[in-house]
Amino acid sequence: MEKLNIKDLPEILENDINILLNAISNGEEFLDCELSELRADINQCESCHLIDGYTAKLLRDYYIKGGIENG
């Protein structure tokens, strides 16, 4: 999976995404913790207006609802 190119993401989201992608590339079988952390931080950043609703939806659709969690 490739990383989405979204400018000016909060550092916490950049870190969560990098950790998730690293876990995937290392072949880790269970990604529950990484996905939960990313989901929570997306929600928190949206509620604090660090990212807008469009960006939050884009991140959720790609990283959470995409092939990672459902596949």
PDB file of N, CA and C in Angstrom:
ATOM      1  N   MET A   1       0.840  -1.175   0.000  1.00  0.00           N
ATOM      2  CA  MET A   1       0.000   0.000   0.000  1.00  0.00           C
ATOM      3  C   MET A   1       0.882   1.235   0.000  1.00  0.00           C
ATOM      4  N   GLU A   2       0.482   2.196  -0.790  1.00  0.00           N
ATOM      5  CA  GLU A   2       1.225   3.446  -0.857  1.00  0.00           C
ATOM      6  C   GLU A   2       0.616   4.472   0.087  1.00  0.00           C
ATOM      7  N   LYS A   3       1.436   5.383   0.521  1.00  0.00           N
ATOM      8  CA  LYS A   3       0.995   6.448   1.411  1.00  0.00           C
ATOM      9  C   LYS A   3       0.297   7.533   0.595  1.00  0.00           C
ATOM     10  N   LEU A   4      -0.836   7.989   1.090  1.00  0.00           N
ATOM     11  CA  LEU A   4      -1.516   9.105   0.441  1.00  0.00           C
ATOM     12  C   LEU A   4      -0.661  10.358   0.574  1.00  0.00           C
ATOM     13  N   ASN A   5      -0.652  11.151  -0.468  1.00  0.00           N
ATOM     14  CA  ASN A   5       0.118  12.393  -0.442  1.00  0.00           C
ATOM     15  C   ASN A   5      -0.814  13.539  -0.054  1.00  0.00           C
ATOM     16  N   ILE A   6      -0.869  13.809   1.241  1.00  0.00           N
ATOM     17  CA  ILE A   6      -1.695  14.895   1.769  1.00  0.00           C
ATOM     18  C   ILE A   6      -0.773  15.850   2.503  1.00  0.00           C
ATOM     19  N   LYS A   7      -0.781  17.100   2.080  1.00  0.00           N
ATOM     20  CA  LYS A   7       0.104  18.102   2.678  1.00  0.00           C
ATOM     21  C   LYS A   7      -0.413  18.549   4.046  1.00  0.00           C
ATOM     22  N   ASP A   8       0.526  18.914   4.890  1.00  0.00           N
ATOM     23  CA  ASP A   8       0.251  19.554   6.179  1.00  0.00           C
ATOM     24  C   ASP A   8      -0.588  18.720   7.136  1.00  0.00           C
ATOM     25  N   LEU A   9      -0.397  17.412   7.141  1.00  0.00           N
ATOM     26  CA  LEU A   9      -1.056  16.574   8.139  1.00  0.00           C
ATOM     27  C   LEU A   9      -0.380  16.804   9.488  1.00  0.00           C
ATOM     28  N   PRO A  10      -1.145  16.760  10.561  1.00  0.00           N
ATOM     29  CA  PRO A  10      -0.524  16.852  11.880  1.00  0.00           C
ATOM     30  C   PRO A  10       0.504  15.720  12.064  1.00  0.00           C
ATOM     31  N   GLU A  11       1.539  16.004  12.795  1.00  0.00           N
ATOM     32  CA  GLU A  11       2.627  15.049  12.998  1.00  0.00           C
ATOM     33  C   GLU A  11       2.128  13.718  13.554  1.00  0.00           C
ATOM     34  N   ILE A  12       1.151  13.766  14.444  1.00  0.00           N
ATOM     35  CA  ILE A  12       0.640  12.526  15.038  1.00  0.00           C
ATOM     36  C   ILE A  12       0.053  11.610  13.973  1.00  0.00           C
ATOM     37  N   LEU A  13      -0.647  12.189  12.993  1.00  0.00           N
ATOM     38  CA  LEU A  13      -1.213  11.368  11.921  1.00  0.00           C
ATOM     39  C   LEU A  13      -0.121  10.825  11.005  1.00  0.00           C
ATOM     40  N   GLU A  14       0.865  11.651  10.710  1.00  0.00           N
ATOM     41  CA  GLU A  14       1.994  11.181   9.901  1.00  0.00           C
ATOM     42  C   GLU A  14       2.658   9.990  10.581  1.00  0.00           C
ATOM     43  N   ASN A  15       2.864  10.092  11.893  1.00  0.00           N
ATOM     44  CA  ASN A  15       3.493   9.001  12.640  1.00  0.00           C
ATOM     45  C   ASN A  15       2.629   7.742  12.625  1.00  0.00           C
ATOM     46  N   ASP A  16       1.327   7.905  12.877  1.00  0.00           N
ATOM     47  CA  ASP A  16       0.416   6.750  12.880  1.00  0.00           C
ATOM     48  C   ASP A  16       0.414   6.049  11.522  1.00  0.00           C
ATOM     49  N   ILE A  17       0.377   6.831  10.458  1.00  0.00           N
ATOM     50  CA  ILE A  17       0.357   6.261   9.104  1.00  0.00           C
ATOM     51  C   ILE A  17       1.664   5.529   8.822  1.00  0.00           C
ATOM     52  N   ASN A  18       2.779   6.131   9.193  1.00  0.00           N
ATOM     53  CA  ASN A  18       4.074   5.476   8.980  1.00  0.00           C
ATOM     54  C   ASN A  18       4.179   4.167   9.760  1.00  0.00           C
ATOM     55  N   ILE A  19       3.688   4.160  10.987  1.00  0.00           N
ATOM     56  CA  ILE A  19       3.710   2.935  11.796  1.00  0.00           C
ATOM     57  C   ILE A  19       2.848   1.859  11.155  1.00  0.00           C
ATOM     58  N   LEU A  20       1.660   2.244  10.684  1.00  0.00           N
ATOM     59  CA  LEU A  20       0.772   1.284  10.026  1.00  0.00           C
ATOM     60  C   LEU A  20       1.402   0.721   8.757  1.00  0.00           C
ATOM     61  N   LEU A  21       1.936   1.587   7.921  1.00  0.00           N
ATOM     62  CA  LEU A  21       2.537   1.118   6.669  1.00  0.00           C
ATOM     63  C   LEU A  21       3.772   0.258   6.929  1.00  0.00           C
ATOM     64  N   ASN A  22       4.523   0.590   7.957  1.00  0.00           N
ATOM     65  CA  ASN A  22       5.681  -0.214   8.333  1.00  0.00           C
ATOM     66  C   ASN A  22       5.242  -1.607   8.784  1.00  0.00           C
ATOM     67  N   ALA A  23       4.169  -1.665   9.575  1.00  0.00           N
ATOM     68  CA  ALA A  23       3.644  -2.956  10.038  1.00  0.00           C
ATOM     69  C   ALA A  23       3.181  -3.807   8.851  1.00  0.00           C
ATOM     70  N   ILE A  24       2.541  -3.172   7.894  1.00  0.00           N
ATOM     71  CA  ILE A  24       2.089  -3.893   6.705  1.00  0.00           C
ATOM     72  C   ILE A  24       3.271  -4.411   5.907  1.00  0.00           C
ATOM     73  N   SER A  25       4.260  -3.559   5.690  1.00  0.00           N
ATOM     74  CA  SER A  25       5.416  -3.971   4.891  1.00  0.00           C
ATOM     75  C   SER A  25       6.244  -5.052   5.585  1.00  0.00           C
ATOM     76  N   ASN A  26       6.166  -5.122   6.923  1.00  0.00           N
ATOM     77  CA  ASN A  26       6.876  -6.162   7.670  1.00  0.00           C
ATOM     78  C   ASN A  26       6.070  -7.446   7.778  1.00  0.00           C
ATOM     79  N   GLY A  27       4.889  -7.446   7.183  1.00  0.00           N
ATOM     80  CA  GLY A  27       4.077  -8.655   7.163  1.00  0.00           C
ATOM     81  C   GLY A  27       3.389  -8.985   8.456  1.00  0.00           C
ATOM     82  N   GLU A  28       3.212  -7.984   9.323  1.00  0.00           N
ATOM     83  CA  GLU A  28       2.511  -8.253  10.580  1.00  0.00           C
ATOM     84  C   GLU A  28       1.087  -8.693  10.277  1.00  0.00           C
ATOM     85  N   GLU A  29       0.671  -9.723  10.972  1.00  0.00           N
ATOM     86  CA  GLU A  29      -0.627 -10.327  10.691  1.00  0.00           C
ATOM     87  C   GLU A  29      -1.780  -9.540  11.310  1.00  0.00           C
ATOM     88  N   PHE A  30      -1.588  -9.027  12.501  1.00  0.00           N
ATOM     89  CA  PHE A  30      -2.656  -8.332  13.208  1.00  0.00           C
ATOM     90  C   PHE A  30      -2.339  -6.844  13.282  1.00  0.00           C
ATOM     91  N   LEU A  31      -3.237  -6.031  12.742  1.00  0.00           N
ATOM     92  CA  LEU A  31      -3.020  -4.592  12.676  1.00  0.00           C
ATOM     93  C   LEU A  31      -4.028  -3.825  13.531  1.00  0.00           C
ATOM     94  N   ASP A  32      -4.701  -4.526  14.438  1.00  0.00           N
ATOM     95  CA  ASP A  32      -5.768  -3.913  15.227  1.00  0.00           C
ATOM     96  C   ASP A  32      -5.297  -2.672  15.982  1.00  0.00           C
ATOM     97  N   CYS A  33      -4.167  -2.768  16.636  1.00  0.00           N
ATOM     98  CA  CYS A  33      -3.686  -1.638  17.441  1.00  0.00           C
ATOM     99  C   CYS A  33      -3.352  -0.437  16.565  1.00  0.00           C
ATOM    100  N   GLU A  34      -2.666  -0.686  15.472  1.00  0.00           N
ATOM    101  CA  GLU A  34      -2.283   0.396  14.567  1.00  0.00           C
ATOM    102  C   GLU A  34      -3.512   1.078  13.975  1.00  0.00           C
ATOM    103  N   LEU A  35      -4.490   0.272  13.550  1.00  0.00           N
ATOM    104  CA  LEU A  35      -5.709   0.830  12.965  1.00  0.00           C
ATOM    105  C   LEU A  35      -6.533   1.595  13.996  1.00  0.00           C
ATOM    106  N   SER A  36      -6.611   1.069  15.207  1.00  0.00           N
ATOM    107  CA  SER A  36      -7.364   1.752  16.259  1.00  0.00           C
ATOM    108  C   SER A  36      -6.727   3.094  16.613  1.00  0.00           C
ATOM    109  N   GLU A  37      -5.426   3.100  16.704  1.00  0.00           N
ATOM    110  CA  GLU A  37      -4.710   4.336  17.018  1.00  0.00           C
ATOM    111  C   GLU A  37      -4.910   5.373  15.916  1.00  0.00           C
ATOM    112  N   LEU A  38      -4.796   4.953  14.673  1.00  0.00           N
ATOM    113  CA  LEU A  38      -4.991   5.871  13.561  1.00  0.00           C
ATOM    114  C   LEU A  38      -6.426   6.389  13.536  1.00  0.00           C
ATOM    115  N   ARG A  39      -7.380   5.522  13.705  1.00  0.00           N
ATOM    116  CA  ARG A  39      -8.798   5.924  13.709  1.00  0.00           C
ATOM    117  C   ARG A  39      -9.062   6.962  14.802  1.00  0.00           C
ATOM    118  N   ALA A  40      -8.572   6.695  15.998  1.00  0.00           N
ATOM    119  CA  ALA A  40      -8.780   7.619  17.119  1.00  0.00           C
ATOM    120  C   ALA A  40      -8.117   8.972  16.856  1.00  0.00           C
ATOM    121  N   ASP A  41      -6.916   8.949  16.297  1.00  0.00           N
ATOM    122  CA  ASP A  41      -6.215  10.208  16.054  1.00  0.00           C
ATOM    123  C   ASP A  41      -6.835  10.997  14.906  1.00  0.00           C
ATOM    124  N   ILE A  42      -7.364  10.314  13.898  1.00  0.00           N
ATOM    125  CA  ILE A  42      -8.102  11.019  12.841  1.00  0.00           C
ATOM    126  C   ILE A  42      -9.297  11.729  13.463  1.00  0.00           C
ATOM    127  N   ASN A  43     -10.056  11.013  14.282  1.00  0.00           N
ATOM    128  CA  ASN A  43     -11.228  11.606  14.923  1.00  0.00           C
ATOM    129  C   ASN A  43     -10.852  12.788  15.808  1.00  0.00           C
ATOM    130  N   GLN A  44      -9.790  12.639  16.575  1.00  0.00           N
ATOM    131  CA  GLN A  44      -9.348  13.713  17.464  1.00  0.00           C
ATOM    132  C   GLN A  44      -8.888  14.934  16.673  1.00  0.00           C
ATOM    133  N   CYS A  45      -8.119  14.711  15.625  1.00  0.00           N
ATOM    134  CA  CYS A  45      -7.642  15.836  14.812  1.00  0.00           C
ATOM    135  C   CYS A  45      -8.800  16.551  14.125  1.00  0.00           C
ATOM    136  N   GLU A  46      -9.798  15.790  13.709  1.00  0.00           N
ATOM    137  CA  GLU A  46     -10.968  16.416  13.094  1.00  0.00           C
ATOM    138  C   GLU A  46     -11.744  17.231  14.134  1.00  0.00           C
ATOM    139  N   SER A  47     -11.953  16.673  15.307  1.00  0.00           N
ATOM    140  CA  SER A  47     -12.736  17.388  16.328  1.00  0.00           C
ATOM    141  C   SER A  47     -12.012  18.634  16.838  1.00  0.00           C
ATOM    142  N   CYS A  48     -10.691  18.633  16.772  1.00  0.00           N
ATOM    143  CA  CYS A  48      -9.908  19.808  17.186  1.00  0.00           C
ATOM    144  C   CYS A  48      -9.639  20.759  16.022  1.00  0.00           C
ATOM    145  N   HIS A  49     -10.212  20.458  14.869  1.00  0.00           N
ATOM    146  CA  HIS A  49     -10.078  21.284  13.655  1.00  0.00           C
ATOM    147  C   HIS A  49      -8.634  21.381  13.155  1.00  0.00           C
ATOM    148  N   LEU A  50      -7.863  20.322  13.392  1.00  0.00           N
ATOM    149  CA  LEU A  50      -6.511  20.264  12.828  1.00  0.00           C
ATOM    150  C   LEU A  50      -6.549  19.756  11.399  1.00  0.00           C
ATOM    151  N   ILE A  51      -7.602  19.010  11.064  1.00  0.00           N
ATOM    152  CA  ILE A  51      -7.875  18.595   9.689  1.00  0.00           C
ATOM    153  C   ILE A  51      -9.359  18.834   9.439  1.00  0.00           C
ATOM    154  N   ASP A  52      -9.713  19.024   8.171  1.00  0.00           N
ATOM    155  CA  ASP A  52     -11.124  19.238   7.864  1.00  0.00           C
ATOM    156  C   ASP A  52     -11.840  17.907   7.646  1.00  0.00           C
ATOM    157  N   GLY A  53     -13.149  17.970   7.541  1.00  0.00           N
ATOM    158  CA  GLY A  53     -13.954  16.763   7.374  1.00  0.00           C
ATOM    159  C   GLY A  53     -13.613  15.990   6.114  1.00  0.00           C
ATOM    160  N   TYR A  54     -13.288  16.699   5.043  1.00  0.00           N
ATOM    161  CA  TYR A  54     -12.928  16.035   3.790  1.00  0.00           C
ATOM    162  C   TYR A  54     -11.661  15.200   3.965  1.00  0.00           C
ATOM    163  N   THR A  55     -10.659  15.792   4.597  1.00  0.00           N
ATOM    164  CA  THR A  55      -9.394  15.080   4.820  1.00  0.00           C
ATOM    165  C   THR A  55      -9.605  13.888   5.747  1.00  0.00           C
ATOM    166  N   ALA A  56     -10.402  14.071   6.790  1.00  0.00           N
ATOM    167  CA  ALA A  56     -10.684  12.969   7.710  1.00  0.00           C
ATOM    168  C   ALA A  56     -11.365  11.819   6.971  1.00  0.00           C
ATOM    169  N   LYS A  57     -12.341  12.139   6.133  1.00  0.00           N
ATOM    170  CA  LYS A  57     -13.040  11.104   5.368  1.00  0.00           C
ATOM    171  C   LYS A  57     -12.090  10.412   4.405  1.00  0.00           C
ATOM    172  N   LEU A  58     -11.248  11.178   3.748  1.00  0.00           N
ATOM    173  CA  LEU A  58     -10.276  10.609   2.822  1.00  0.00           C
ATOM    174  C   LEU A  58      -9.346   9.633   3.545  1.00  0.00           C
ATOM    175  N   LEU A  59      -8.855  10.023   4.706  1.00  0.00           N
ATOM    176  CA  LEU A  59      -7.967   9.160   5.486  1.00  0.00           C
ATOM    177  C   LEU A  59      -8.697   7.903   5.963  1.00  0.00           C
ATOM    178  N   ARG A  60      -9.916   8.072   6.477  1.00  0.00           N
ATOM    179  CA  ARG A  60     -10.691   6.916   6.932  1.00  0.00           C
ATOM    180  C   ARG A  60     -10.983   5.955   5.782  1.00  0.00           C
ATOM    181  N   ASP A  61     -11.423   6.508   4.660  1.00  0.00           N
ATOM    182  CA  ASP A  61     -11.765   5.663   3.511  1.00  0.00           C
ATOM    183  C   ASP A  61     -10.545   4.891   3.000  1.00  0.00           C
ATOM    184  N   TYR A  62      -9.401   5.529   2.972  1.00  0.00           N
ATOM    185  CA  TYR A  62      -8.207   4.894   2.417  1.00  0.00           C
ATOM    186  C   TYR A  62      -7.556   3.920   3.392  1.00  0.00           C
ATOM    187  N   TYR A  63      -7.316   4.372   4.613  1.00  0.00           N
ATOM    188  CA  TYR A  63      -6.561   3.560   5.563  1.00  0.00           C
ATOM    189  C   TYR A  63      -7.432   2.649   6.428  1.00  0.00           C
ATOM    190  N   ILE A  64      -8.611   3.085   6.793  1.00  0.00           N
ATOM    191  CA  ILE A  64      -9.436   2.312   7.713  1.00  0.00           C
ATOM    192  C   ILE A  64     -10.441   1.437   6.965  1.00  0.00           C
ATOM    193  N   LYS A  65     -11.190   2.016   6.055  1.00  0.00           N
ATOM    194  CA  LYS A  65     -12.235   1.272   5.356  1.00  0.00           C
ATOM    195  C   LYS A  65     -11.721   0.567   4.114  1.00  0.00           C
ATOM    196  N   GLY A  66     -10.495   0.834   3.743  1.00  0.00           N
ATOM    197  CA  GLY A  66      -9.914   0.211   2.558  1.00  0.00           C
ATOM    198  C   GLY A  66      -9.571  -1.238   2.781  1.00  0.00           C
ATOM    199  N   GLY A  67      -8.760  -1.756   1.929  1.00  0.00           N
ATOM    200  CA  GLY A  67      -8.419  -3.165   1.948  1.00  0.00           C
ATOM    201  C   GLY A  67      -7.683  -3.639   3.187  1.00  0.00           C
ATOM    202  N   ILE A  68      -7.108  -2.711   3.958  1.00  0.00           N
ATOM    203  CA  ILE A  68      -6.341  -3.142   5.126  1.00  0.00           C
ATOM    204  C   ILE A  68      -7.244  -3.808   6.146  1.00  0.00           C
ATOM    205  N   GLU A  69      -8.268  -3.091   6.596  1.00  0.00           N
ATOM    206  CA  GLU A  69      -9.109  -3.607   7.682  1.00  0.00           C
ATOM    207  C   GLU A  69     -10.050  -4.697   7.195  1.00  0.00           C
ATOM    208  N   ASN A  70     -10.488  -4.623   5.972  1.00  0.00           N
ATOM    209  CA  ASN A  70     -11.482  -5.554   5.477  1.00  0.00           C
ATOM    210  C   ASN A  70     -10.891  -6.716   4.706  1.00  0.00           C
ATOM    211  N   GLY A  71      -9.592  -6.741   4.547  1.00  0.00           N
ATOM    212  CA  GLY A  71      -9.002  -7.766   3.707  1.00  0.00           C
ATOM    213  C   GLY A  71      -8.164  -8.692   4.451  1.00  0.00           C
TER     214      GLY A  71
END
